[in-house]
Amino acid sequence: MTPDAFQALTYRLSTTNAFRSTPSFRHVQQQVAVGLYWLGQSGNGGGVHDIAFACSCSQGSVQEWTDRTIAGLYKLNSEVVTFATEDKHAKAKAWVADKSGVEEWSRGWLVVDGTHINLAWKPALNAHKHYSYKGDYTFNIALVFLPHSLRIVESVVGHLGSSHDVQAWGSGSGIIAKPRLHLDEGEFVWVDAGYGYSSYMVGPYSNTAVAKSRDLHYFNYSLSRICVKAEHGIAYLKNCFQCLMGFQGNLY
């Protein structure tokens, strides 16, 4: 994060209720810096004691300031994670057309994928429902990206780890619930193979079908150059917020 971006973020956070009692803007900067530092750590060096030692503050301050930072970010979520503007819409369509070489493919200017967020420990409540096919205790989220910039335009959070990606995506209140409110006629979202197909969802063919047709194989190969951007977006998110590699917060 650049100094200007940090300055702008702390200014926005200082206007939220989470930091209303903080005496000065300098204290807001200090607290947000500690909170973001902890959110960017995992594994060795990611404990409260390690963060307190690195930031020269008490362990209680680390916990309290991080809670404030998260509360402030959550308050700004609806303002920051917004649907694409007309300008970004046009840029995404142009990127898809250029990357695929097929003008018609530009109608699919969004990509969606799901990911599991590992829990740092086994939850005491509904543990069996959090147990995923990967053998970890997780919860599931679905994210919709603009492929050219990796900007998140919609997120669905809260499903247990045992649920499939399509269940998390299907419970959303945005595109999946009101597709024509977000997509023009003929437009669609690029999805993974497990999401199924509809008038506004297009994904790759199955391996069985691809094995029988060279054309379908080429279709999947070309499509992978676009859909991989969803994987890049998820990887970028987890690299920035290392805490998502082992979530330590309360779920219930």
Protein backbone atom coordinates (compact mmCIF):
# COMPACT_ATOMS: atom_id res chain seq x y z
CA MET A 1 0.00 0.00 0.00
CA THR A 2 1.34 3.43 -0.94
CA PRO A 3 1.56 6.22 1.67
CA ASP A 4 -1.13 8.20 -0.16
CA ALA A 5 -3.47 5.20 -0.18
CA PHE A 6 -2.89 4.62 3.53
CA GLN A 7 -3.54 8.30 4.23
CA ALA A 8 -6.80 8.22 2.28
CA LEU A 9 -7.91 4.98 3.96
CA THR A 10 -7.23 6.21 7.48
CA TYR A 11 -9.10 9.43 6.74
CA ARG A 12 -12.16 7.47 5.62
CA LEU A 13 -11.92 5.16 8.63
CA SER A 14 -11.66 8.11 11.01
CA THR A 15 -15.19 9.14 10.00
CA THR A 16 -16.72 5.79 11.04
CA ASN A 17 -18.22 5.02 14.44
CA ALA A 18 -15.39 2.56 15.14
CA PHE A 19 -12.89 5.43 15.53
CA ARG A 20 -15.23 8.16 16.74
CA SER A 21 -13.76 8.08 20.26
CA THR A 22 -10.14 8.17 19.02
CA PRO A 23 -8.67 11.52 20.13
CA SER A 24 -6.62 12.46 17.05
CA PHE A 25 -5.97 11.50 13.45
CA ARG A 26 -2.44 10.42 14.37
CA HIS A 27 -3.86 7.86 16.79
CA VAL A 28 -6.19 6.59 14.05
CA GLN A 29 -3.19 6.10 11.77
CA GLN A 30 -1.33 4.21 14.48
CA GLN A 31 -4.26 1.92 15.24
CA VAL A 32 -5.05 1.21 11.59
CA ALA A 33 -1.37 0.49 10.88
CA VAL A 34 -1.27 -2.10 13.66
CA GLY A 35 -4.58 -3.60 12.57
CA LEU A 36 -3.56 -3.92 8.92
CA TYR A 37 -0.17 -5.33 9.93
CA TRP A 38 -1.85 -8.13 11.88
CA LEU A 39 -4.30 -8.82 9.05
CA GLY A 40 -1.31 -9.19 6.74
CA GLN A 41 0.35 -11.91 8.85
CA SER A 42 -0.17 -15.65 9.31
CA GLY A 43 1.68 -18.64 10.70
CA ASN A 44 4.94 -17.94 12.52
CA GLY A 45 5.01 -14.28 13.50
CA GLY A 46 1.26 -13.92 13.16
CA GLY A 47 0.30 -14.29 16.82
CA VAL A 48 -0.83 -11.47 19.10
CA HIS A 49 2.44 -11.58 21.06
CA ASP A 50 4.52 -11.33 17.86
CA ILE A 51 2.48 -8.40 16.53
CA ALA A 52 2.69 -6.58 19.87
CA PHE A 53 6.47 -7.04 19.93
CA ALA A 54 6.89 -5.85 16.32
CA CYS A 55 4.62 -2.80 16.79
CA SER A 56 5.80 -1.89 20.31
CA CYS A 57 2.36 -1.95 21.89
CA SER A 58 0.44 -4.15 24.31
CA GLN A 59 -1.30 -7.36 23.27
CA GLY A 60 -4.63 -5.90 24.33
CA SER A 61 -4.07 -2.91 22.06
CA VAL A 62 -3.36 -5.20 19.12
CA GLN A 63 -6.66 -6.99 19.63
CA GLU A 64 -8.71 -3.82 20.22
CA TRP A 65 -7.19 -1.82 17.36
CA THR A 66 -7.59 -4.68 14.91
CA ASP A 67 -11.24 -5.06 15.93
CA ARG A 68 -11.74 -1.35 15.29
CA THR A 69 -10.04 -1.56 11.92
CA ILE A 70 -12.22 -4.48 10.85
CA ALA A 71 -15.37 -2.73 12.08
CA GLY A 72 -14.42 0.40 10.15
CA LEU A 73 -13.63 -1.53 6.97
CA TYR A 74 -16.93 -3.39 7.23
CA LYS A 75 -18.75 -0.07 7.52
CA LEU A 76 -17.09 1.13 4.30
CA ASN A 77 -17.72 -2.15 2.48
CA SER A 78 -20.97 -1.07 0.83
CA GLU A 79 -19.31 2.13 -0.41
CA VAL A 80 -16.16 0.47 -1.74
CA VAL A 81 -17.41 -2.84 -3.15
CA THR A 82 -19.83 -1.45 -5.71
CA PHE A 83 -20.90 -2.70 -9.11
CA ALA A 84 -18.95 -1.63 -12.18
CA THR A 85 -19.45 1.81 -13.67
CA GLU A 86 -20.06 2.26 -17.40
CA ASP A 87 -16.40 3.13 -17.91
CA LYS A 88 -15.12 0.00 -16.15
CA HIS A 89 -17.80 -2.01 -17.94
CA ALA A 90 -16.45 -0.86 -21.31
CA LYS A 91 -12.83 -1.49 -20.31
CA ALA A 92 -13.63 -5.02 -19.14
CA LYS A 93 -15.43 -5.83 -22.39
CA ALA A 94 -12.53 -4.45 -24.44
CA TRP A 95 -10.04 -6.53 -22.42
CA VAL A 96 -11.99 -9.76 -22.97
CA ALA A 97 -12.34 -9.08 -26.70
CA ASP A 98 -8.61 -8.38 -27.00
CA LYS A 99 -7.55 -11.36 -24.87
CA SER A 100 -9.81 -13.88 -26.60
CA GLY A 101 -9.77 -12.46 -30.11
CA VAL A 102 -13.53 -13.04 -30.31
CA GLU A 103 -15.72 -9.94 -30.25
CA GLU A 104 -18.79 -11.89 -29.11
CA TRP A 105 -16.96 -13.09 -26.00
CA SER A 106 -16.83 -9.52 -24.72
CA ARG A 107 -20.44 -10.00 -23.62
CA GLY A 108 -18.94 -11.98 -20.76
CA TRP A 109 -17.10 -9.22 -18.91
CA LEU A 110 -17.27 -10.64 -15.38
CA VAL A 111 -15.65 -13.75 -13.86
CA VAL A 112 -16.74 -15.54 -10.69
CA ASP A 113 -15.08 -18.17 -8.53
CA GLY A 114 -15.34 -19.50 -5.02
CA THR A 115 -12.68 -20.19 -2.44
CA HIS A 116 -12.41 -21.75 1.00
CA ILE A 117 -11.09 -19.69 3.91
CA ASN A 118 -9.30 -21.99 6.35
CA LEU A 119 -10.08 -21.67 10.04
CA ALA A 120 -7.17 -21.52 12.46
CA TRP A 121 -8.78 -24.20 14.63
CA LYS A 122 -11.71 -26.59 14.76
CA PRO A 123 -14.90 -24.65 15.60
CA ALA A 124 -16.84 -25.76 18.67
CA LEU A 125 -20.19 -25.22 16.92
CA ASN A 126 -21.23 -26.97 13.68
CA ALA A 127 -17.74 -28.37 13.18
CA HIS A 128 -18.94 -31.14 10.84
CA LYS A 129 -20.60 -28.57 8.58
CA HIS A 130 -17.36 -26.59 8.33
CA TYR A 131 -15.38 -29.68 7.31
CA SER A 132 -14.58 -29.33 3.60
CA TYR A 133 -13.62 -31.86 0.95
CA LYS A 134 -10.02 -30.67 1.33
CA GLY A 135 -9.88 -32.03 4.87
CA ASP A 136 -9.83 -28.64 6.57
CA TYR A 137 -12.31 -26.62 8.61
CA THR A 138 -13.34 -23.72 6.42
CA PHE A 139 -16.07 -21.36 5.32
CA ASN A 140 -16.88 -20.67 1.69
CA ILE A 141 -17.07 -17.38 -0.18
CA ALA A 142 -17.86 -16.43 -3.79
CA LEU A 143 -16.26 -13.42 -5.48
CA VAL A 144 -17.09 -11.67 -8.75
CA PHE A 145 -14.22 -9.83 -10.45
CA LEU A 146 -13.61 -7.48 -13.34
CA PRO A 147 -11.00 -9.51 -15.27
CA HIS A 148 -8.91 -6.57 -16.46
CA SER A 149 -8.34 -5.02 -13.03
CA LEU A 150 -9.21 -7.81 -10.53
CA ARG A 151 -11.61 -5.41 -8.83
CA ILE A 152 -14.26 -7.17 -6.71
CA VAL A 153 -17.76 -6.04 -7.67
CA GLU A 154 -19.76 -8.55 -5.63
CA SER A 155 -19.08 -10.97 -2.78
CA VAL A 156 -21.12 -13.67 -1.07
CA VAL A 157 -19.75 -14.55 2.38
CA GLY A 158 -20.96 -16.84 5.14
CA HIS A 159 -21.45 -20.34 3.75
CA LEU A 160 -20.00 -23.28 5.67
CA GLY A 161 -17.03 -25.18 4.28
CA SER A 162 -19.06 -28.29 3.40
CA SER A 163 -21.18 -26.29 0.93
CA HIS A 164 -20.29 -26.25 -2.76
CA ASP A 165 -19.13 -23.09 -4.53
CA VAL A 166 -22.36 -23.00 -6.51
CA GLN A 167 -24.39 -22.89 -3.27
CA ALA A 168 -22.50 -19.83 -2.08
CA TRP A 169 -22.90 -18.17 -5.47
CA GLY A 170 -26.57 -19.13 -5.71
CA SER A 171 -27.45 -17.49 -2.39
CA GLY A 172 -26.26 -14.06 -3.48
CA SER A 173 -28.62 -11.10 -3.62
CA GLY A 174 -26.92 -9.38 -6.57
CA ILE A 175 -26.30 -10.80 -10.04
CA ILE A 176 -27.74 -14.25 -9.40
CA ALA A 177 -30.96 -12.82 -7.92
CA LYS A 178 -31.45 -9.96 -10.39
CA PRO A 179 -29.33 -10.70 -13.46
CA ARG A 180 -31.03 -8.20 -15.76
CA LEU A 181 -30.53 -5.42 -13.26
CA HIS A 182 -26.75 -5.86 -13.58
CA LEU A 183 -26.34 -7.30 -17.08
CA ASP A 184 -27.59 -6.00 -20.41
CA GLU A 185 -29.43 -8.25 -22.83
CA GLY A 186 -27.07 -10.95 -24.15
CA GLU A 187 -24.42 -10.39 -21.47
CA PHE A 188 -23.27 -13.13 -19.11
CA VAL A 189 -20.75 -14.10 -16.44
CA TRP A 190 -17.87 -16.52 -17.01
CA VAL A 191 -18.13 -19.30 -14.42
CA ASP A 192 -16.33 -22.49 -13.44
CA ALA A 193 -17.47 -25.89 -14.68
CA GLY A 194 -19.32 -26.73 -11.46
CA TYR A 195 -21.64 -23.72 -11.64
CA GLY A 196 -23.87 -25.00 -14.41
CA TYR A 197 -25.21 -23.05 -17.38
CA SER A 198 -27.95 -20.51 -17.96
CA SER A 199 -28.71 -17.51 -20.14
CA TYR A 200 -26.34 -15.42 -18.03
CA MET A 201 -23.72 -18.03 -17.00
CA VAL A 202 -21.22 -19.60 -19.41
CA GLY A 203 -18.42 -21.96 -18.45
CA PRO A 204 -16.06 -24.60 -19.88
CA TYR A 205 -17.11 -27.97 -21.25
CA SER A 206 -16.54 -31.11 -19.18
CA ASN A 207 -13.39 -33.18 -19.62
CA THR A 208 -15.49 -36.00 -21.10
CA ALA A 209 -16.83 -33.74 -23.84
CA VAL A 210 -13.45 -32.13 -24.46
CA ALA A 211 -11.81 -35.53 -24.97
CA LYS A 212 -14.13 -36.15 -27.92
CA SER A 213 -13.73 -32.85 -29.74
CA ARG A 214 -10.73 -30.78 -30.76
CA ASP A 215 -12.96 -27.71 -31.11
CA LEU A 216 -14.23 -28.01 -27.54
CA HIS A 217 -10.67 -28.48 -26.34
CA TYR A 218 -9.66 -25.26 -28.08
CA PHE A 219 -12.71 -23.50 -26.62
CA ASN A 220 -11.71 -24.50 -23.08
CA TYR A 221 -8.11 -23.52 -23.72
CA SER A 222 -9.09 -20.06 -24.94
CA LEU A 223 -11.57 -19.61 -22.09
CA SER A 224 -8.94 -20.47 -19.49
CA ARG A 225 -7.05 -17.28 -20.40
CA ILE A 226 -10.03 -15.30 -19.12
CA CYS A 227 -11.28 -17.42 -16.22
CA VAL A 228 -7.81 -17.66 -14.70
CA LYS A 229 -8.17 -14.00 -13.73
CA ALA A 230 -10.60 -15.08 -10.99
CA GLU A 231 -7.87 -17.31 -9.57
CA HIS A 232 -5.44 -14.39 -9.77
CA GLY A 233 -7.90 -12.17 -7.91
CA ILE A 234 -8.35 -14.68 -5.09
CA ALA A 235 -4.59 -15.25 -4.83
CA TYR A 236 -3.98 -11.49 -4.69
CA LEU A 237 -6.58 -11.11 -1.93
CA LYS A 238 -5.07 -13.88 0.19
CA ASN A 239 -1.54 -12.58 -0.35
CA CYS A 240 -2.55 -9.10 0.83
CA PHE A 241 -4.53 -10.44 3.79
CA GLN A 242 -2.50 -13.39 5.05
CA CYS A 243 -4.94 -13.77 7.95
CA LEU A 244 -7.26 -15.49 5.46
CA MET A 245 -4.82 -18.42 5.40
CA GLY A 246 -5.93 -19.27 8.94
CA PHE A 247 -8.92 -17.21 10.10
CA GLN A 248 -8.90 -16.60 13.87
CA GLY A 249 -12.08 -14.55 14.28
CA ASN A 250 -15.41 -15.54 15.79
CA LEU A 251 -17.92 -17.12 13.40
CA TYR A 252 -20.95 -17.18 15.70
